[in-house]
C-alpha atoms as a PDB file:
ATOM      1  CA  MET A   1      10.121   7.824  22.608  1.00  0.00           C
ATOM      2  CA  ASP A   2      11.398  11.319  23.417  1.00  0.00           C
ATOM      3  CA  ASN A   3      13.034  13.842  21.067  1.00  0.00           C
ATOM      4  CA  LYS A   4      16.500  13.291  22.562  1.00  0.00           C
ATOM      5  CA  ILE A   5      16.472   9.622  21.660  1.00  0.00           C
ATOM      6  CA  THR A   6      15.083  10.384  18.219  1.00  0.00           C
ATOM      7  CA  THR A   7      17.834  12.944  17.519  1.00  0.00           C
ATOM      8  CA  GLU A   8      20.539  10.583  18.720  1.00  0.00           C
ATOM      9  CA  ALA A   9      19.180   7.775  16.577  1.00  0.00           C
ATOM     10  CA  VAL A  10      19.006   9.956  13.457  1.00  0.00           C
ATOM     11  CA  GLU A  11      22.539  11.239  13.877  1.00  0.00           C
ATOM     12  CA  GLY A  12      23.794   7.709  14.446  1.00  0.00           C
ATOM     13  CA  MET A  13      22.099   6.405  11.300  1.00  0.00           C
ATOM     14  CA  THR A  14      23.650   9.008   9.045  1.00  0.00           C
ATOM     15  CA  GLN A  15      27.088   8.366  10.513  1.00  0.00           C
ATOM     16  CA  ALA A  16      26.909   4.566  10.540  1.00  0.00           C
ATOM     17  CA  ASP A  17      25.744   3.966   6.960  1.00  0.00           C
ATOM     18  CA  GLU A  18      27.963   4.568   3.969  1.00  0.00           C
ATOM     19  CA  ILE A  19      25.011   6.072   2.131  1.00  0.00           C
ATOM     20  CA  ASP A  20      24.821   9.605   0.798  1.00  0.00           C
ATOM     21  CA  VAL A  21      21.702  10.929   2.523  1.00  0.00           C
ATOM     22  CA  ASP A  22      19.883  14.219   2.966  1.00  0.00           C
ATOM     23  CA  MET A  23      20.079  14.933   6.705  1.00  0.00           C
ATOM     24  CA  THR A  24      17.085  17.264   6.529  1.00  0.00           C
ATOM     25  CA  LEU A  25      15.010  14.550   4.870  1.00  0.00           C
ATOM     26  CA  ILE A  26      16.086  11.948   7.448  1.00  0.00           C
ATOM     27  CA  LYS A  27      15.027  14.250  10.294  1.00  0.00           C
ATOM     28  CA  GLU A  28      11.683  14.872   8.599  1.00  0.00           C
ATOM     29  CA  MET A  29      11.161  11.141   8.288  1.00  0.00           C
ATOM     30  CA  ALA A  30      11.978  10.723  11.985  1.00  0.00           C
ATOM     31  CA  ASP A  31       9.619  13.534  12.976  1.00  0.00           C
ATOM     32  CA  ASN A  32       6.828  11.692  11.164  1.00  0.00           C
ATOM     33  CA  GLY A  33       7.547   8.461  13.005  1.00  0.00           C
ATOM     34  CA  LEU A  34       8.936   6.361  10.156  1.00  0.00           C
ATOM     35  CA  LEU A  35      11.710   4.964  12.375  1.00  0.00           C
ATOM     36  CA  TYR A  36       9.463   3.130  14.845  1.00  0.00           C
ATOM     37  CA  GLY A  37       9.176  -0.608  14.269  1.00  0.00           C
ATOM     38  CA  HIS A  38       7.393  -3.176  16.421  1.00  0.00           C
ATOM     39  CA  LYS A  39       8.489  -4.877  19.629  1.00  0.00           C
ATOM     40  CA  LYS A  40      11.770  -6.731  19.222  1.00  0.00           C
ATOM     41  CA  GLN A  41      10.175 -10.139  19.782  1.00  0.00           C
ATOM     42  CA  ARG A  42       8.074  -9.645  16.644  1.00  0.00           C
ATOM     43  CA  THR A  43      11.039  -8.872  14.361  1.00  0.00           C
ATOM     44  CA  HIS A  44      11.321 -11.035  11.272  1.00  0.00           C
ATOM     45  CA  PRO A  45      14.858 -12.422  10.896  1.00  0.00           C
ATOM     46  CA  ARG A  46      15.130 -11.161   7.310  1.00  0.00           C
ATOM     47  CA  PHE A  47      14.241  -7.615   8.396  1.00  0.00           C
ATOM     48  CA  LYS A  48      17.234  -7.299  10.743  1.00  0.00           C
ATOM     49  CA  GLN A  49      19.293  -5.742   7.949  1.00  0.00           C
ATOM     50  CA  PHE A  50      17.089  -2.631   8.255  1.00  0.00           C
ATOM     51  CA  ILE A  51      17.284  -2.300  12.055  1.00  0.00           C
ATOM     52  CA  TYR A  52      19.531   0.423  13.448  1.00  0.00           C
ATOM     53  CA  THR A  53      19.052  -0.319  17.151  1.00  0.00           C
ATOM     54  CA  THR A  54      16.497  -1.248  19.809  1.00  0.00           C
ATOM     55  CA  ARG A  55      15.193   1.247  22.368  1.00  0.00           C
ATOM     56  CA  ASN A  56      12.871   0.318  25.226  1.00  0.00           C
ATOM     57  CA  GLY A  57      12.126  -2.982  23.504  1.00  0.00           C
ATOM     58  CA  VAL A  58      11.073  -1.283  20.254  1.00  0.00           C
ATOM     59  CA  GLU A  59      13.014  -1.704  17.024  1.00  0.00           C
ATOM     60  CA  ILE A  60      14.381   1.501  15.486  1.00  0.00           C
ATOM     61  CA  ILE A  61      14.462   1.343  11.696  1.00  0.00           C
ATOM     62  CA  ASP A  62      17.532   2.668   9.897  1.00  0.00           C
ATOM     63  CA  LEU A  63      16.139   5.656   7.989  1.00  0.00           C
ATOM     64  CA  ALA A  64      19.265   6.041   5.873  1.00  0.00           C
ATOM     65  CA  LYS A  65      18.450   2.633   4.386  1.00  0.00           C
ATOM     66  CA  THR A  66      14.776   3.561   4.156  1.00  0.00           C
ATOM     67  CA  SER A  67      15.711   6.642   2.141  1.00  0.00           C
ATOM     68  CA  LYS A  68      17.697   4.525  -0.306  1.00  0.00           C
ATOM     69  CA  LYS A  69      14.828   2.054  -0.696  1.00  0.00           C
ATOM     70  CA  ILE A  70      12.381   4.911  -1.313  1.00  0.00           C
ATOM     71  CA  ASP A  71      14.647   6.135  -4.128  1.00  0.00           C
ATOM     72  CA  GLU A  72      14.652   2.674  -5.696  1.00  0.00           C
ATOM     73  CA  ALA A  73      10.875   2.342  -5.434  1.00  0.00           C
ATOM     74  CA  VAL A  74      10.263   5.806  -6.879  1.00  0.00           C
ATOM     75  CA  ALA A  75      12.571   5.125  -9.837  1.00  0.00           C
ATOM     76  CA  PHE A  76      10.750   1.866 -10.532  1.00  0.00           C
ATOM     77  CA  LEU A  77       7.261   3.389 -10.233  1.00  0.00           C
ATOM     78  CA  ASN A  78       8.184   6.289 -12.504  1.00  0.00           C
ATOM     79  CA  ALA A  79       9.418   3.856 -15.146  1.00  0.00           C
ATOM     80  CA  GLN A  80       6.161   1.896 -14.906  1.00  0.00           C
ATOM     81  CA  LEU A  81       4.026   5.029 -15.158  1.00  0.00           C
ATOM     82  CA  GLN A  82       5.931   6.189 -18.224  1.00  0.00           C
ATOM     83  CA  GLU A  83       5.077   2.868 -19.844  1.00  0.00           C
ATOM     84  CA  LYS A  84       1.401   3.374 -18.900  1.00  0.00           C
ATOM     85  CA  LYS A  85       1.420   0.282 -16.681  1.00  0.00           C
ATOM     86  CA  THR A  86      -1.475  -0.330 -14.282  1.00  0.00           C
ATOM     87  CA  VAL A  87      -0.488   0.063 -10.624  1.00  0.00           C
ATOM     88  CA  LEU A  88      -2.891  -1.370  -8.035  1.00  0.00           C
ATOM     89  CA  VAL A  89      -2.625   0.249  -4.585  1.00  0.00           C
ATOM     90  CA  VAL A  90      -3.548  -1.974  -1.628  1.00  0.00           C
ATOM     91  CA  GLY A  91      -4.059  -0.726   1.927  1.00  0.00           C
ATOM     92  CA  THR A  92      -6.877  -2.226   3.981  1.00  0.00           C
ATOM     93  CA  GLN A  93      -5.936  -1.098   7.491  1.00  0.00           C
ATOM     94  CA  ALA A  94      -7.801   1.967   8.760  1.00  0.00           C
ATOM     95  CA  ALA A  95      -4.591   3.973   9.264  1.00  0.00           C
ATOM     96  CA  SER A  96      -3.899   3.837   5.519  1.00  0.00           C
ATOM     97  CA  TRP A  97      -7.364   4.409   4.046  1.00  0.00           C
ATOM     98  CA  ASP A  98      -7.180   8.156   3.465  1.00  0.00           C
ATOM     99  CA  ALA A  99      -3.615   8.078   2.151  1.00  0.00           C
ATOM    100  CA  VAL A 100      -4.307   5.156  -0.178  1.00  0.00           C
ATOM    101  CA  GLU A 101      -7.415   6.745  -1.658  1.00  0.00           C
ATOM    102  CA  ALA A 102      -5.777  10.168  -2.100  1.00  0.00           C
ATOM    103  CA  PHE A 103      -2.649   8.662  -3.679  1.00  0.00           C
ATOM    104  CA  ALA A 104      -4.576   6.420  -6.052  1.00  0.00           C
ATOM    105  CA  LYS A 105      -6.996   9.127  -7.169  1.00  0.00           C
ATOM    106  CA  LYS A 106      -4.135  11.571  -7.755  1.00  0.00           C
ATOM    107  CA  PHE A 107      -2.659   9.229 -10.356  1.00  0.00           C
ATOM    108  CA  GLY A 108      -5.851   7.546 -11.573  1.00  0.00           C
ATOM    109  CA  MET A 109      -4.800   4.197 -10.097  1.00  0.00           C
ATOM    110  CA  PRO A 110      -7.204   1.472  -8.979  1.00  0.00           C
ATOM    111  CA  TYR A 111      -7.088   0.745  -5.259  1.00  0.00           C
ATOM    112  CA  VAL A 112      -8.270  -1.692  -2.586  1.00  0.00           C
ATOM    113  CA  LYS A 113      -9.077  -0.484   0.917  1.00  0.00           C
ATOM    114  CA  ASN A 114     -12.107  -2.492   2.089  1.00  0.00           C
ATOM    115  CA  GLY A 115     -10.492  -5.924   2.032  1.00  0.00           C
ATOM    116  CA  TRP A 116      -8.678  -7.975  -0.574  1.00  0.00           C
ATOM    117  CA  VAL A 117     -10.946  -9.642  -3.117  1.00  0.00           C
ATOM    118  CA  GLY A 118      -9.718 -13.212  -3.478  1.00  0.00           C
ATOM    119  CA  GLY A 119      -8.683 -13.978  -7.059  1.00  0.00           C
ATOM    120  CA  LEU A 120      -8.510 -10.317  -8.051  1.00  0.00           C
ATOM    121  CA  VAL A 121      -5.138 -11.004  -9.664  1.00  0.00           C
ATOM    122  CA  THR A 122      -4.974 -14.767 -10.225  1.00  0.00           C
ATOM    123  CA  ASN A 123      -8.597 -15.163 -11.343  1.00  0.00           C
ATOM    124  CA  PHE A 124      -9.300 -11.777 -12.873  1.00  0.00           C
ATOM    125  CA  LYS A 125     -11.401 -13.299 -15.649  1.00  0.00           C
ATOM    126  CA  VAL A 126     -14.105 -14.200 -13.117  1.00  0.00           C
ATOM    127  CA  VAL A 127     -13.654 -11.151 -10.867  1.00  0.00           C
ATOM    128  CA  GLY A 128     -13.651  -8.943 -13.954  1.00  0.00           C
ATOM    129  CA  GLN A 129     -17.068 -10.311 -14.916  1.00  0.00           C
ATOM    130  CA  ARG A 130     -18.423  -9.259 -11.525  1.00  0.00           C
ATOM    131  CA  LEU A 131     -16.906  -5.807 -11.999  1.00  0.00           C
ATOM    132  CA  ASP A 132     -18.592  -5.566 -15.414  1.00  0.00           C
ATOM    133  CA  TYR A 133     -21.909  -6.596 -13.854  1.00  0.00           C
ATOM    134  CA  LEU A 134     -21.577  -3.839 -11.262  1.00  0.00           C
ATOM    135  CA  ARG A 135     -20.732  -1.202 -13.881  1.00  0.00           C
ATOM    136  CA  LYS A 136     -23.720  -2.164 -16.012  1.00  0.00           C
ATOM    137  CA  ALA A 137     -26.026  -2.339 -12.976  1.00  0.00           C
ATOM    138  CA  LEU A 138     -25.066   1.188 -11.907  1.00  0.00           C
ATOM    139  CA  VAL A 139     -25.796   2.475 -15.427  1.00  0.00           C
ATOM    140  CA  SER A 140     -29.155   0.681 -15.384  1.00  0.00           C
ATOM    141  CA  ILE A 141     -30.045   2.333 -12.089  1.00  0.00           C
ATOM    142  CA  GLU A 142     -29.197   5.750 -13.532  1.00  0.00           C
ATOM    143  CA  LYS A 143     -31.463   5.068 -16.510  1.00  0.00           C
ATOM    144  CA  GLY A 144     -34.303   3.782 -14.309  1.00  0.00           C
ATOM    145  CA  GLU A 145     -34.234   0.377 -15.978  1.00  0.00           C
ATOM    146  CA  PHE A 146     -34.893  -1.398 -12.667  1.00  0.00           C
ATOM    147  CA  ASP A 147     -38.184   0.440 -12.175  1.00  0.00           C
ATOM    148  CA  LYS A 148     -39.971  -2.388 -13.975  1.00  0.00           C
ATOM    149  CA  TYR A 149     -39.289  -4.723 -11.064  1.00  0.00           C
ATOM    150  CA  THR A 150     -41.457  -4.993  -7.964  1.00  0.00           C
ATOM    151  CA  LYS A 151     -40.475  -3.104  -4.829  1.00  0.00           C
ATOM    152  CA  LYS A 152     -39.349  -6.340  -3.172  1.00  0.00           C
ATOM    153  CA  GLU A 153     -37.207  -7.278  -6.187  1.00  0.00           C
ATOM    154  CA  ARG A 154     -35.632  -3.810  -6.268  1.00  0.00           C
ATOM    155  CA  VAL A 155     -34.733  -4.052  -2.579  1.00  0.00           C
ATOM    156  CA  THR A 156     -32.960  -7.369  -3.218  1.00  0.00           C
ATOM    157  CA  ILE A 157     -31.136  -5.974  -6.246  1.00  0.00           C
ATOM    158  CA  ASN A 158     -30.087  -2.805  -4.423  1.00  0.00           C
ATOM    159  CA  ARG A 159     -28.740  -4.777  -1.462  1.00  0.00           C
ATOM    160  CA  LYS A 160     -26.627  -6.892  -3.795  1.00  0.00           C
ATOM    161  CA  ILE A 161     -25.321  -3.827  -5.610  1.00  0.00           C
ATOM    162  CA  ASP A 162     -24.572  -1.957  -2.376  1.00  0.00           C
ATOM    163  CA  LYS A 163     -22.552  -4.940  -1.136  1.00  0.00           C
ATOM    164  CA  MET A 164     -20.615  -5.075  -4.411  1.00  0.00           C
ATOM    165  CA  LYS A 165     -19.951  -1.327  -4.322  1.00  0.00           C
ATOM    166  CA  ILE A 166     -18.220  -1.725  -0.959  1.00  0.00           C
ATOM    167  CA  MET A 167     -16.312  -4.837  -2.055  1.00  0.00           C
ATOM    168  CA  PHE A 168     -15.130  -3.296  -5.322  1.00  0.00           C
ATOM    169  CA  GLU A 169     -14.626   0.296  -4.186  1.00  0.00           C
ATOM    170  CA  GLY A 170     -11.698   1.811  -6.048  1.00  0.00           C
ATOM    171  CA  LEU A 171     -11.680  -0.829  -8.787  1.00  0.00           C
ATOM    172  CA  ASP A 172     -14.045   0.776 -11.289  1.00  0.00           C
ATOM    173  CA  THR A 173     -11.151   1.569 -13.676  1.00  0.00           C
ATOM    174  CA  LEU A 174      -9.543  -1.876 -13.416  1.00  0.00           C
ATOM    175  CA  THR A 175     -10.129  -3.772 -16.671  1.00  0.00           C
ATOM    176  CA  LYS A 176      -7.312  -6.312 -16.436  1.00  0.00           C
ATOM    177  CA  ALA A 177      -4.916  -7.808 -13.905  1.00  0.00           C
ATOM    178  CA  PRO A 178      -2.524  -5.090 -12.675  1.00  0.00           C
ATOM    179  CA  ASP A 179       1.068  -4.828 -13.893  1.00  0.00           C
ATOM    180  CA  VAL A 180       2.360  -3.645 -10.509  1.00  0.00           C
ATOM    181  CA  MET A 181       1.109  -3.800  -6.929  1.00  0.00           C
ATOM    182  CA  PHE A 182       1.825  -1.180  -4.242  1.00  0.00           C
ATOM    183  CA  VAL A 183       1.056  -2.592  -0.778  1.00  0.00           C
ATOM    184  CA  ILE A 184       0.989  -0.771   2.559  1.00  0.00           C
ATOM    185  CA  ASP A 185       1.846  -3.256   5.340  1.00  0.00           C
ATOM    186  CA  GLY A 186       2.876  -6.680   4.107  1.00  0.00           C
ATOM    187  CA  SER A 187       2.002  -8.576   7.291  1.00  0.00           C
ATOM    188  CA  LEU A 188      -1.790  -8.262   7.263  1.00  0.00           C
ATOM    189  CA  ARG A 189      -3.405 -11.584   6.427  1.00  0.00           C
ATOM    190  CA  ASN A 190      -5.281 -10.373   3.358  1.00  0.00           C
ATOM    191  CA  HIS A 191      -2.211  -8.448   2.179  1.00  0.00           C
ATOM    192  CA  ILE A 192      -0.184 -11.652   2.364  1.00  0.00           C
ATOM    193  CA  THR A 193      -2.791 -13.203   0.069  1.00  0.00           C
ATOM    194  CA  ALA A 194      -2.484 -10.265  -2.327  1.00  0.00           C
ATOM    195  CA  ILE A 195       1.322 -10.560  -2.388  1.00  0.00           C
ATOM    196  CA  LYS A 196       1.094 -14.319  -3.008  1.00  0.00           C
ATOM    197  CA  GLU A 197      -1.294 -13.736  -5.917  1.00  0.00           C
ATOM    198  CA  ALA A 198       1.132 -11.201  -7.377  1.00  0.00           C
ATOM    199  CA  ALA A 199       3.999 -13.676  -7.009  1.00  0.00           C
ATOM    200  CA  THR A 200       1.995 -16.349  -8.835  1.00  0.00           C
ATOM    201  CA  LEU A 201       1.784 -14.122 -11.914  1.00  0.00           C
ATOM    202  CA  LYS A 202       5.273 -12.627 -11.361  1.00  0.00           C
ATOM    203  CA  ILE A 203       3.807  -9.165 -10.794  1.00  0.00           C
ATOM    204  CA  PRO A 204       6.368  -6.875  -9.095  1.00  0.00           C
ATOM    205  CA  VAL A 205       5.364  -5.572  -5.669  1.00  0.00           C
ATOM    206  CA  VAL A 206       6.376  -2.305  -4.015  1.00  0.00           C
ATOM    207  CA  ALA A 207       5.580  -2.474  -0.309  1.00  0.00           C
ATOM    208  CA  ILE A 208       5.914  -0.403   2.837  1.00  0.00           C
ATOM    209  CA  ILE A 209       7.009  -3.022   5.350  1.00  0.00           C
ATOM    210  CA  ASP A 210       7.700  -2.987   9.079  1.00  0.00           C
ATOM    211  CA  SER A 211       9.983  -4.985  11.343  1.00  0.00           C
ATOM    212  CA  ASP A 212       7.570  -7.942  11.457  1.00  0.00           C
ATOM    213  CA  ASP A 213       7.650  -8.396   7.672  1.00  0.00           C
ATOM    214  CA  ASN A 214       9.831 -10.491   5.377  1.00  0.00           C
ATOM    215  CA  PRO A 215      11.368  -8.147   2.772  1.00  0.00           C
ATOM    216  CA  ASP A 216      12.210 -11.090   0.522  1.00  0.00           C
ATOM    217  CA  LEU A 217       8.530 -11.532  -0.346  1.00  0.00           C
ATOM    218  CA  VAL A 218       8.330  -8.242  -2.244  1.00  0.00           C
ATOM    219  CA  THR A 219      10.306  -6.743  -5.120  1.00  0.00           C
ATOM    220  CA  TYR A 220      10.827  -3.235  -3.762  1.00  0.00           C
ATOM    221  CA  PRO A 221      10.591  -3.151   0.056  1.00  0.00           C
ATOM    222  CA  ILE A 222      10.389   0.206   1.841  1.00  0.00           C
ATOM    223  CA  PRO A 223      11.284  -0.375   5.518  1.00  0.00           C
ATOM    224  CA  ALA A 224       9.251   2.003   7.675  1.00  0.00           C
ATOM    225  CA  ASN A 225       6.530   2.291  10.304  1.00  0.00           C
ATOM    226  CA  ASP A 226       3.553   0.830   8.436  1.00  0.00           C
ATOM    227  CA  HIS A 227       0.999   0.888  11.262  1.00  0.00           C
ATOM    228  CA  ALA A 228       0.733   4.614  12.098  1.00  0.00           C
ATOM    229  CA  LYS A 229      -1.361   7.050  10.075  1.00  0.00           C
ATOM    230  CA  LEU A 230       1.224   9.864  10.355  1.00  0.00           C
ATOM    231  CA  SER A 231       4.019   7.703   8.961  1.00  0.00           C
ATOM    232  CA  ILE A 232       1.923   6.191   6.170  1.00  0.00           C
ATOM    233  CA  THR A 233       0.514   9.555   5.099  1.00  0.00           C
ATOM    234  CA  TRP A 234       3.962  11.174   4.984  1.00  0.00           C
ATOM    235  CA  LEU A 235       5.392   8.308   2.941  1.00  0.00           C
ATOM    236  CA  MET A 236       2.552   8.259   0.427  1.00  0.00           C
ATOM    237  CA  ASP A 237       2.694  12.048   0.032  1.00  0.00           C
ATOM    238  CA  HIS A 238       6.479  11.999  -0.343  1.00  0.00           C
ATOM    239  CA  ILE A 239       6.424   9.248  -2.953  1.00  0.00           C
ATOM    240  CA  GLY A 240       3.483  10.871  -4.730  1.00  0.00           C
ATOM    241  CA  ASN A 241       5.309  14.188  -4.980  1.00  0.00           C
ATOM    242  CA  ARG A 242       8.209  12.445  -6.697  1.00  0.00           C
ATOM    243  CA  LEU A 243       6.192  10.555  -9.288  1.00  0.00           C
ATOM    244  CA  LYS A 244       5.815  11.905 -12.808  1.00  0.00           C
ATOM    245  CA  ALA A 245       2.417  10.856 -14.066  1.00  0.00           C
END
């Protein structure tokens, strides 16, 4: 989509919505591709409230509304951080990996990027035991406590631990079910599972969602391009810069 169309869309958004917005911020969001949704045929009916227009068969997200939703999400996350609540960041698509890890580490939050672990929220008692096993196993390795086993036994143990390290990457600080979940892209199959688990325990969910998502499934939806690395990185950086840890 060329710059002319982008400029026209941005100007139209700020004029059409009765929302007090920062025009410079809206243009920056557009420059980073936040306005691009999916093909129109993939649009979820409940997401139509966030669509500004359709160009060349692609939905254009209303960035004035996105800006307002970002404000709401930031206010909520800041309140949770002030109360020392545990926020779990979830982003398992490749485009979000770097942004998710950087964001989570900046605030000392646990994160999931290698695939949702079933029961992480709804069955944390069992998953937590596996996390404890991994923590203790890593300490044992450091102390050389596995040296007493045969070479074959050590190979088997190391393979098991290596597999667990990948599965539980980012969760070493998680000692209980999270208080809040922050999801990037609500339509991925394993993310849907994560959101359902959160709903079961009434855990609020902040989520970056695109035109193929149902905003009603999350507590604080942020309508934006959730499938492009540029868009995701800008959003995570922008939100991160506004949080007060």
